[in-house]
């Protein structure tokens, strides 16, 4: 973590991190959300009789693993971040980070 802070300060980017306990709570919530989204995707695909068991599992893993990065990109945080009040922002301008 120290090297990330050093690299950010060398690039002129001010970084401030929330307390560790708050981040851990967000990670736990995100893990539960990913598990339920994967289970929900498998159940929905099974109900619709789409694909075999392996295909359903692969699609459910894609849904669960892509959920977090897409939410951070589009909304500035994952579901866990939003629940515990963490925002991923550009500190200098107080705006969401952009991909490009």
Protein backbone atom coordinates (compact mmCIF):
# COMPACT_ATOMS: atom_id res chain seq x y z
CA UNK A 1 0.00 0.00 0.00
CA UNK A 2 2.93 2.34 0.71
CA UNK A 3 4.20 2.06 -2.86
CA UNK A 4 0.74 2.97 -4.19
CA UNK A 5 0.66 6.05 -1.95
CA UNK A 6 4.18 7.00 -3.02
CA UNK A 7 3.32 6.59 -6.71
CA UNK A 8 0.16 8.66 -6.26
CA UNK A 9 2.02 11.45 -4.50
CA UNK A 10 4.74 11.47 -7.18
CA UNK A 11 2.04 11.81 -9.85
CA UNK A 12 0.53 14.76 -7.98
CA UNK A 13 -2.57 12.84 -6.91
CA UNK A 14 -3.70 13.26 -3.31
CA UNK A 15 -5.07 10.02 -1.87
CA UNK A 16 -7.13 9.60 1.24
CA UNK A 17 -8.27 6.19 2.38
CA UNK A 18 -11.22 5.37 4.63
CA UNK A 19 -10.58 3.42 7.86
CA UNK A 20 -9.69 -0.25 7.42
CA UNK A 21 -12.77 -1.51 9.28
CA UNK A 22 -15.04 0.44 6.93
CA UNK A 23 -13.28 -1.02 3.88
CA UNK A 24 -13.52 -4.56 5.32
CA UNK A 25 -17.27 -4.11 5.90
CA UNK A 26 -17.62 -2.99 2.26
CA UNK A 27 -15.67 -6.02 1.03
CA UNK A 28 -17.83 -8.40 3.07
CA UNK A 29 -21.03 -6.82 1.71
CA UNK A 30 -19.63 -7.02 -1.84
CA UNK A 31 -18.79 -10.71 -1.33
CA UNK A 32 -22.35 -11.47 -0.22
CA UNK A 33 -23.76 -9.49 -3.18
CA UNK A 34 -21.49 -11.34 -5.63
CA UNK A 35 -22.48 -14.72 -4.19
CA UNK A 36 -26.19 -13.95 -4.37
CA UNK A 37 -25.91 -12.48 -7.88
CA UNK A 38 -24.14 -15.65 -9.06
CA UNK A 39 -26.72 -17.90 -7.42
CA UNK A 40 -29.51 -15.75 -8.85
CA UNK A 41 -28.03 -15.95 -12.35
CA UNK A 42 -27.73 -19.75 -12.13
CA UNK A 43 -31.32 -20.04 -10.88
CA UNK A 44 -32.65 -17.73 -13.61
CA UNK A 45 -30.79 -19.63 -16.34
CA UNK A 46 -31.97 -22.97 -14.96
CA UNK A 47 -35.57 -21.74 -14.82
CA UNK A 48 -35.35 -20.50 -18.41
CA UNK A 49 -33.64 -23.78 -19.40
CA UNK A 50 -30.74 -21.95 -21.02
CA UNK A 51 -27.45 -23.82 -21.44
CA UNK A 52 -25.97 -26.76 -19.61
CA UNK A 53 -24.70 -26.76 -16.03
CA UNK A 54 -21.18 -25.71 -17.00
CA UNK A 55 -22.41 -22.90 -19.23
CA UNK A 56 -24.68 -21.61 -16.46
CA UNK A 57 -21.81 -21.65 -13.99
CA UNK A 58 -19.52 -19.78 -16.39
CA UNK A 59 -22.15 -17.11 -17.07
CA UNK A 60 -22.91 -16.76 -13.36
CA UNK A 61 -19.20 -16.27 -12.62
CA UNK A 62 -18.99 -13.60 -15.33
CA UNK A 63 -22.01 -11.78 -13.86
CA UNK A 64 -20.63 -11.93 -10.32
CA UNK A 65 -17.08 -10.91 -11.25
CA UNK A 66 -18.05 -8.09 -13.63
CA UNK A 67 -20.62 -6.56 -11.28
CA UNK A 68 -18.07 -4.84 -9.01
CA UNK A 69 -15.82 -3.17 -11.64
CA UNK A 70 -18.78 -2.00 -13.70
CA UNK A 71 -20.48 -0.45 -10.66
CA UNK A 72 -17.27 1.29 -9.56
CA UNK A 73 -16.80 2.64 -13.09
CA UNK A 74 -20.37 3.84 -13.56
CA UNK A 75 -21.41 4.93 -10.04
CA UNK A 76 -18.14 5.61 -8.21
CA UNK A 77 -18.43 2.59 -5.92
CA UNK A 78 -19.70 -0.94 -5.53
CA UNK A 79 -22.83 -1.83 -3.59
CA UNK A 80 -20.72 -2.36 -0.46
CA UNK A 81 -19.05 1.02 -0.96
CA UNK A 82 -22.42 2.76 -1.23
CA UNK A 83 -23.86 1.04 1.84
CA UNK A 84 -20.92 1.95 4.11
CA UNK A 85 -20.45 5.39 2.54
CA UNK A 86 -17.16 4.99 0.65
CA UNK A 87 -16.74 6.88 -2.62
CA UNK A 88 -14.06 6.36 -5.27
CA UNK A 89 -13.45 9.94 -6.38
CA UNK A 90 -10.82 12.17 -7.87
CA UNK A 91 -9.91 14.23 -4.82
CA UNK A 92 -8.74 17.34 -6.65
CA UNK A 93 -12.05 17.91 -8.43
CA UNK A 94 -14.41 15.75 -6.32
CA UNK A 95 -15.65 13.87 -9.37
CA UNK A 96 -15.88 10.20 -10.35
CA UNK A 97 -12.84 8.58 -11.91
CA UNK A 98 -13.14 7.96 -15.64
CA UNK A 99 -11.82 5.02 -17.63
CA UNK A 100 -10.07 7.26 -20.18
